[in-house]
Amino acid sequence: MKYLAGVMTNRLRGMKGVTISRAECVTFSAPEDQRIYVQVDGEYAGHLPARVKVVPDALTVLVPDEYARSRMRPAAVEDYDAR
């Protein structure tokens, strides 16, 4: 729950045990003698190795205008308001 709170409050960076990296594709693996299961959104999705790839523009998230503006950088707010 501590990490979920960190995500929700935008304070995950700097928390003990957290490493943040940017990538378009990540492969997770484990030693061959270990069977590590993978879940996606709480559902069984197989086992390692697993490859996760970012798909640009694959998800649209609807949020209230006030929240969207509070989370955007100033230049993005100007673009958003111009719509």
Protein backbone atom coordinates (compact mmCIF):
# COMPACT_ATOMS: atom_id res chain seq x y z
CA MET A 1 0.00 0.00 0.00
CA LYS A 2 2.93 2.31 0.67
CA TYR A 3 4.01 2.14 -2.98
CA LEU A 4 0.46 2.64 -4.26
CA ALA A 5 0.24 5.77 -2.11
CA GLY A 6 3.55 6.91 -3.62
CA VAL A 7 2.16 6.46 -7.13
CA MET A 8 -1.10 8.24 -6.33
CA THR A 9 0.66 11.23 -4.74
CA ASN A 10 3.48 11.42 -7.31
CA ARG A 11 6.05 10.70 -4.59
CA LEU A 12 7.27 7.30 -5.74
CA ARG A 13 10.62 8.68 -6.89
CA GLY A 14 13.10 8.49 -4.04
CA MET A 15 11.20 5.86 -2.03
CA LYS A 16 13.39 3.09 -0.63
CA GLY A 17 13.45 0.10 -2.99
CA VAL A 18 12.19 2.07 -6.00
CA THR A 19 14.15 2.53 -9.21
CA ILE A 20 12.60 4.54 -12.04
CA SER A 21 13.83 4.11 -15.61
CA ARG A 22 12.50 5.03 -19.04
CA ALA A 23 12.16 2.36 -21.70
CA GLU A 24 10.00 1.39 -24.67
CA CYS A 25 10.48 -2.34 -24.12
CA VAL A 26 11.54 -4.32 -21.03
CA THR A 27 12.21 -8.05 -20.66
CA PHE A 28 11.90 -9.65 -17.22
CA SER A 29 13.65 -12.96 -16.65
CA ALA A 30 14.58 -15.40 -13.91
CA PRO A 31 17.01 -18.31 -13.59
CA GLU A 32 15.76 -21.31 -15.61
CA ASP A 33 15.30 -23.41 -12.46
CA GLN A 34 12.81 -20.87 -11.03
CA ARG A 35 9.25 -20.57 -12.28
CA ILE A 36 8.06 -17.02 -11.57
CA TYR A 37 4.43 -16.33 -12.49
CA VAL A 38 3.29 -13.09 -14.07
CA GLN A 39 0.03 -11.23 -13.40
CA VAL A 40 -1.44 -8.46 -15.53
CA ASP A 41 -4.17 -6.42 -13.87
CA GLY A 42 -4.60 -9.20 -11.31
CA GLU A 43 -4.98 -11.96 -13.91
CA TYR A 44 -2.54 -14.82 -14.57
CA ALA A 45 -0.60 -14.04 -17.76
CA GLY A 46 2.04 -16.78 -17.85
CA HIS A 47 5.52 -16.95 -16.38
CA LEU A 48 8.93 -15.40 -16.88
CA PRO A 49 10.53 -14.55 -19.19
CA ALA A 50 8.05 -11.78 -20.04
CA ARG A 51 8.41 -8.87 -22.42
CA VAL A 52 6.53 -5.60 -21.82
CA LYS A 53 6.32 -3.11 -24.66
CA VAL A 54 4.90 0.42 -24.71
CA VAL A 55 2.31 0.93 -27.45
CA PRO A 56 1.98 4.68 -28.16
CA ASP A 57 -1.57 6.09 -28.05
CA ALA A 58 -3.04 2.69 -27.10
CA LEU A 59 -4.92 3.97 -24.05
CA THR A 60 -7.17 6.95 -23.57
CA VAL A 61 -7.74 8.02 -19.97
CA LEU A 62 -10.59 10.39 -19.14
CA VAL A 63 -10.10 12.61 -16.09
CA PRO A 64 -11.77 15.81 -14.88
CA ASP A 65 -10.38 19.00 -16.48
CA GLU A 66 -9.18 20.37 -13.13
CA TYR A 67 -7.14 17.22 -12.43
CA ALA A 68 -5.69 17.17 -15.96
CA ARG A 69 -4.51 20.77 -15.68
CA SER A 70 -2.98 20.15 -12.24
CA ARG A 71 -0.86 17.28 -13.61
CA MET A 72 0.35 18.93 -16.84
CA ARG A 73 3.42 20.99 -17.50
CA PRO A 74 2.65 24.68 -18.33
CA ALA A 75 3.17 24.29 -22.13
CA ALA A 76 0.85 21.27 -22.19
CA VAL A 77 -1.85 23.24 -20.34
CA GLU A 78 -1.75 25.90 -23.07
CA ASP A 79 -2.15 23.22 -25.76
CA TYR A 80 -4.95 21.59 -23.76
CA ASP A 81 -6.81 24.88 -23.31
CA ALA A 82 -6.51 25.64 -27.05
CA ARG A 83 -8.76 22.65 -27.89
